[in-house]
Amino acid sequence: MSLPRTLEPELMDSREEVWAYDAMDHRDVNRVFVNDFLEALQAAGLFSEGSLCLTTRPDDARFVDCDAATIRIVDLGTATAQIPIELAQRSRLLQIMAIDFAAGMLDVAMMNVDAAGLRDQIQLDCVDAKHLPYTDGMFDGTISNSLLHHLEHPHTVIAEAIRVTRKHGLLFFRDLLRPSDQASLESLVQTYAADASPLARLLFTNSLHASLSMDDISDILKSLDLPCSGLHQTTDRHWTLSIRRT
């Protein structure tokens, strides 16, 4: 019998949860996310040759000199803005709207953005990703990392992402993949959170229980008339959706 989905609270907004999340070492996972997203942008033709720094060390080339137009990105469920900061450090062409519905997360996000000196590229907004206040086609790309597993009805966020992304723009989602059984879940927690704090281990465990299966995501895509060809399992604990809006 497959592991059933067990929902967790939609918002992580207590001070303890926010600081526990921000203290977790997401650097490698975030860097891979940013690399993959930027490569997908280039493959989609949304950036010209040479307009991005794809190095895995952002300090090698903080800014890239080119004449390409600014690219507008919205990050759904930004938490403490770690991914927008990584993105902005890779190219000054990116203007990022980083949203979250948890005010506590955005308080820490503002501190992180200020510390990185990136307020000219990153704007924070406390809004619900299920009901975005932005106009149709406002963004060139929509990204989301590990938001959907928090939601009882994740299809609403994907539908909103489609709406606010311009025609031929890029949708890039990555999230946790629900393990097939309890033993597999416990193995993932041991592998990736053995040295984490008890609260961090609990958060990771709950997130794995709440995450979606490949079949779950495929069903959502079909209900929205989206192709499943852009959906792949990309690690032992993640799936990735990368598609262009038609």
Protein backbone atom coordinates (compact mmCIF):
# COMPACT_ATOMS: atom_id res chain seq x y z
CA MET A 1 0.00 0.00 0.00
CA SER A 2 1.39 3.40 -0.98
CA LEU A 3 2.03 6.05 1.63
CA PRO A 4 -1.05 8.31 1.91
CA ARG A 5 -0.74 12.05 1.76
CA THR A 6 -0.96 13.69 5.18
CA LEU A 7 -1.42 17.45 5.06
CA GLU A 8 0.66 19.80 7.18
CA PRO A 9 -0.16 23.42 8.14
CA GLU A 10 -0.18 25.66 5.08
CA LEU A 11 1.87 28.41 6.72
CA MET A 12 5.17 28.20 8.59
CA ASP A 13 4.88 31.47 10.47
CA SER A 14 5.89 30.89 14.07
CA ARG A 15 9.18 32.51 15.05
CA GLU A 16 10.66 29.11 15.92
CA GLU A 17 9.69 27.57 12.57
CA VAL A 18 10.90 30.56 10.54
CA TRP A 19 14.32 30.67 12.15
CA ALA A 20 14.66 26.87 12.02
CA TYR A 21 13.90 26.97 8.30
CA ASP A 22 16.32 29.81 7.60
CA ALA A 23 19.07 28.08 9.58
CA MET A 24 18.79 24.86 7.56
CA ASP A 25 21.54 24.49 4.96
CA HIS A 26 19.70 24.82 1.64
CA ARG A 27 22.71 26.14 -0.27
CA ASP A 28 23.43 23.14 -2.47
CA VAL A 29 19.77 22.44 -3.24
CA ASN A 30 19.11 26.11 -3.98
CA ARG A 31 22.16 26.37 -6.23
CA VAL A 32 21.03 23.37 -8.25
CA PHE A 33 17.55 24.89 -8.54
CA VAL A 34 18.97 28.19 -9.78
CA ASN A 35 21.34 26.48 -12.23
CA ASP A 36 18.53 24.39 -13.67
CA PHE A 37 16.14 27.34 -13.93
CA LEU A 38 18.68 29.57 -15.65
CA GLU A 39 19.57 26.83 -18.10
CA ALA A 40 15.86 26.35 -18.82
CA LEU A 41 15.53 30.10 -19.44
CA GLN A 42 18.38 29.98 -21.92
CA ALA A 43 16.97 26.89 -23.63
CA ALA A 44 13.63 28.69 -23.94
CA GLY A 45 15.33 31.62 -25.65
CA LEU A 46 14.36 34.07 -22.91
CA PHE A 47 17.98 35.14 -22.50
CA SER A 48 20.46 35.85 -25.26
CA GLU A 49 23.84 34.15 -25.43
CA GLY A 50 26.15 35.39 -22.71
CA SER A 51 23.50 37.11 -20.66
CA LEU A 52 23.72 34.71 -17.74
CA CYS A 53 26.41 33.58 -15.37
CA LEU A 54 25.87 29.84 -15.03
CA THR A 55 28.86 29.25 -12.76
CA THR A 56 28.22 27.35 -9.55
CA ARG A 57 30.22 30.04 -7.74
CA PRO A 58 28.31 33.33 -7.92
CA ASP A 59 31.33 35.25 -6.61
CA ASP A 60 33.16 34.44 -9.86
CA ALA A 61 30.98 36.93 -11.74
CA ARG A 62 28.50 38.93 -9.70
CA PHE A 63 27.17 40.90 -12.65
CA VAL A 64 27.12 40.15 -16.36
CA ASP A 65 27.51 43.00 -18.83
CA CYS A 66 25.10 42.78 -21.73
CA ASP A 67 22.35 44.73 -23.42
CA ALA A 68 19.51 42.25 -22.96
CA ALA A 69 16.21 43.44 -21.52
CA THR A 70 15.24 42.95 -17.91
CA ILE A 71 13.55 39.63 -17.16
CA ARG A 72 10.65 39.69 -14.69
CA ILE A 73 10.40 36.65 -12.43
CA VAL A 74 7.90 35.84 -9.68
CA ASP A 75 8.88 33.37 -6.95
CA LEU A 76 5.85 31.72 -5.34
CA GLY A 77 6.43 30.74 -1.72
CA THR A 78 9.81 32.43 -1.40
CA ALA A 79 10.10 31.78 2.37
CA THR A 80 13.23 33.72 3.46
CA ALA A 81 14.17 34.69 -0.12
CA GLN A 82 17.22 32.46 -0.41
CA ILE A 83 16.54 31.52 -4.05
CA PRO A 84 15.80 35.10 -5.24
CA ILE A 85 19.07 36.21 -3.64
CA GLU A 86 20.97 33.44 -5.42
CA LEU A 87 19.28 34.39 -8.71
CA ALA A 88 19.95 38.11 -8.36
CA GLN A 89 23.59 37.41 -7.59
CA ARG A 90 23.88 35.60 -10.89
CA SER A 91 22.55 38.33 -13.18
CA ARG A 92 21.51 41.94 -12.77
CA LEU A 93 19.01 41.41 -15.59
CA LEU A 94 16.62 39.62 -13.25
CA GLN A 95 13.93 41.58 -11.43
CA ILE A 96 12.28 39.27 -8.92
CA MET A 97 8.92 39.55 -7.16
CA ALA A 98 9.31 37.24 -4.17
CA ILE A 99 6.01 36.39 -2.49
CA ASP A 100 4.94 34.48 0.59
CA PHE A 101 1.78 34.40 2.68
CA ALA A 102 3.72 34.06 5.94
CA ALA A 103 4.63 37.50 7.27
CA GLY A 104 7.23 36.00 9.58
CA MET A 105 9.07 34.47 6.63
CA LEU A 106 9.08 37.82 4.82
CA ASP A 107 10.46 39.62 7.88
CA VAL A 108 13.53 37.39 7.71
CA ALA A 109 13.54 37.59 3.91
CA MET A 110 13.83 41.39 4.13
CA MET A 111 16.82 41.07 6.44
CA ASN A 112 18.45 38.60 4.05
CA VAL A 113 17.82 40.81 1.00
CA ASP A 114 19.17 43.87 2.81
CA ALA A 115 22.26 41.97 3.95
CA ALA A 116 22.90 40.92 0.35
CA GLY A 117 22.44 44.49 -0.90
CA LEU A 118 19.81 43.42 -3.45
CA ARG A 119 16.75 45.58 -2.74
CA ASP A 120 17.10 47.07 -6.23
CA GLN A 121 16.42 43.64 -7.76
CA ILE A 122 14.17 41.86 -5.28
CA GLN A 123 10.73 43.05 -4.19
CA LEU A 124 8.88 41.23 -1.40
CA ASP A 125 5.10 40.90 -1.27
CA CYS A 126 2.88 39.23 1.34
CA VAL A 127 0.20 37.65 -0.84
CA ASP A 128 -1.55 34.30 -1.24
CA ALA A 129 -0.17 32.33 -4.19
CA LYS A 130 -3.66 30.90 -4.75
CA HIS A 131 -5.03 34.40 -5.43
CA LEU A 132 -2.29 36.52 -6.99
CA PRO A 133 -3.01 40.26 -7.34
CA TYR A 134 -0.98 40.56 -10.54
CA THR A 135 -2.22 41.13 -14.07
CA ASP A 136 -2.34 38.39 -16.69
CA GLY A 137 1.01 37.77 -18.36
CA MET A 138 2.88 40.13 -16.04
CA PHE A 139 5.97 37.92 -15.67
CA ASP A 140 8.45 36.33 -18.06
CA GLY A 141 8.91 33.40 -15.73
CA THR A 142 7.28 31.88 -12.65
CA ILE A 143 9.24 29.74 -10.23
CA SER A 144 8.34 27.85 -7.09
CA ASN A 145 10.44 25.65 -4.86
CA SER A 146 8.76 23.45 -2.26
CA LEU A 147 5.50 25.37 -1.96
CA LEU A 148 2.92 22.96 -3.38
CA HIS A 149 3.28 20.30 -0.69
CA HIS A 150 2.00 22.83 1.86
CA LEU A 151 -1.31 23.21 0.04
CA GLU A 152 -4.46 21.11 0.19
CA HIS A 153 -5.34 22.10 -3.39
CA PRO A 154 -2.03 22.76 -5.20
CA HIS A 155 -3.65 22.96 -8.63
CA THR A 156 -4.90 26.46 -7.77
CA VAL A 157 -1.34 27.76 -7.57
CA ILE A 158 -0.32 26.18 -10.86
CA ALA A 159 -3.39 27.72 -12.50
CA GLU A 160 -2.45 31.14 -11.12
CA ALA A 161 1.14 30.66 -12.29
CA ILE A 162 -0.11 30.03 -15.81
CA ARG A 163 -2.25 33.16 -15.67
CA VAL A 164 0.49 35.57 -14.58
CA THR A 165 3.15 34.16 -16.92
CA ARG A 166 3.29 35.73 -20.37
CA LYS A 167 2.81 33.73 -23.54
CA HIS A 168 5.93 31.67 -24.25
CA GLY A 169 7.19 32.43 -20.74
CA LEU A 170 8.59 29.72 -18.49
CA LEU A 171 7.00 27.90 -15.56
CA PHE A 172 9.54 26.14 -13.35
CA PHE A 173 8.34 24.25 -10.27
CA ARG A 174 10.27 21.90 -8.02
CA ASP A 175 8.98 20.18 -4.90
CA LEU A 176 9.39 17.20 -2.64
CA LEU A 177 8.25 13.80 -3.87
CA ARG A 178 6.21 11.66 -1.50
CA PRO A 179 8.04 8.38 -0.78
CA SER A 180 6.32 5.14 -1.63
CA ASP A 181 6.33 3.80 1.94
CA GLN A 182 7.24 4.67 5.51
CA ALA A 183 10.60 2.91 5.38
CA SER A 184 11.65 4.97 2.37
CA LEU A 185 10.55 8.15 4.11
CA GLU A 186 12.56 7.33 7.22
CA SER A 187 15.59 6.56 5.06
CA LEU A 188 15.37 9.98 3.39
CA VAL A 189 15.12 11.72 6.76
CA GLN A 190 18.17 9.82 7.99
CA THR A 191 20.12 10.61 4.82
CA TYR A 192 19.35 14.31 4.57
CA ALA A 193 18.45 15.45 8.08
CA ALA A 194 20.39 13.20 10.46
CA ASP A 195 22.48 16.12 11.74
CA ALA A 196 19.66 18.66 11.74
CA SER A 197 17.89 19.92 14.83
CA PRO A 198 14.90 17.91 16.12
CA LEU A 199 12.54 20.61 14.83
CA ALA A 200 14.19 20.62 11.40
CA ARG A 201 13.90 16.82 11.21
CA LEU A 202 10.24 17.02 12.16
CA LEU A 203 9.58 19.70 9.52
CA PHE A 204 11.28 17.58 6.85
CA THR A 205 9.36 14.46 7.91
CA ASN A 206 6.03 16.28 7.83
CA SER A 207 6.84 17.79 4.44
CA LEU A 208 7.59 14.38 2.94
CA HIS A 209 4.26 13.08 4.25
CA ALA A 210 2.47 16.09 2.74
CA SER A 211 4.21 16.06 -0.63
CA LEU A 212 2.76 14.87 -3.91
CA SER A 213 3.44 11.75 -5.94
CA MET A 214 4.25 11.79 -9.64
CA ASP A 215 0.72 10.54 -10.31
CA ASP A 216 -0.70 13.40 -8.23
CA ILE A 217 1.17 15.99 -10.28
CA SER A 218 0.34 14.29 -13.58
CA ASP A 219 -3.36 14.37 -12.70
CA ILE A 220 -3.14 18.10 -11.90
CA LEU A 221 -1.39 18.85 -15.19
CA LYS A 222 -3.99 16.91 -17.16
CA SER A 223 -6.81 18.77 -15.40
CA LEU A 224 -5.21 22.06 -16.50
CA ASP A 225 -4.56 20.84 -20.06
CA LEU A 226 -0.80 21.05 -19.52
CA PRO A 227 1.66 18.58 -21.05
CA CYS A 228 3.24 16.01 -18.77
CA SER A 229 6.34 15.91 -20.96
CA GLY A 230 7.95 18.63 -18.83
CA LEU A 231 7.49 16.68 -15.59
CA HIS A 232 10.37 14.53 -14.32
CA GLN A 233 11.64 13.00 -11.11
CA THR A 234 14.98 14.76 -10.73
CA THR A 235 16.35 13.38 -7.44
CA ASP A 236 15.44 10.69 -4.94
CA ARG A 237 13.21 13.25 -3.19
CA HIS A 238 12.26 15.86 -5.82
CA TRP A 239 10.16 16.26 -8.94
CA THR A 240 10.56 19.13 -11.40
CA LEU A 241 8.13 20.72 -13.85
CA SER A 242 9.61 22.91 -16.58
CA ILE A 243 7.25 24.04 -19.34
CA ARG A 244 6.64 27.05 -21.55
CA ARG A 245 3.28 28.78 -21.48
CA THR A 246 1.43 28.43 -24.76
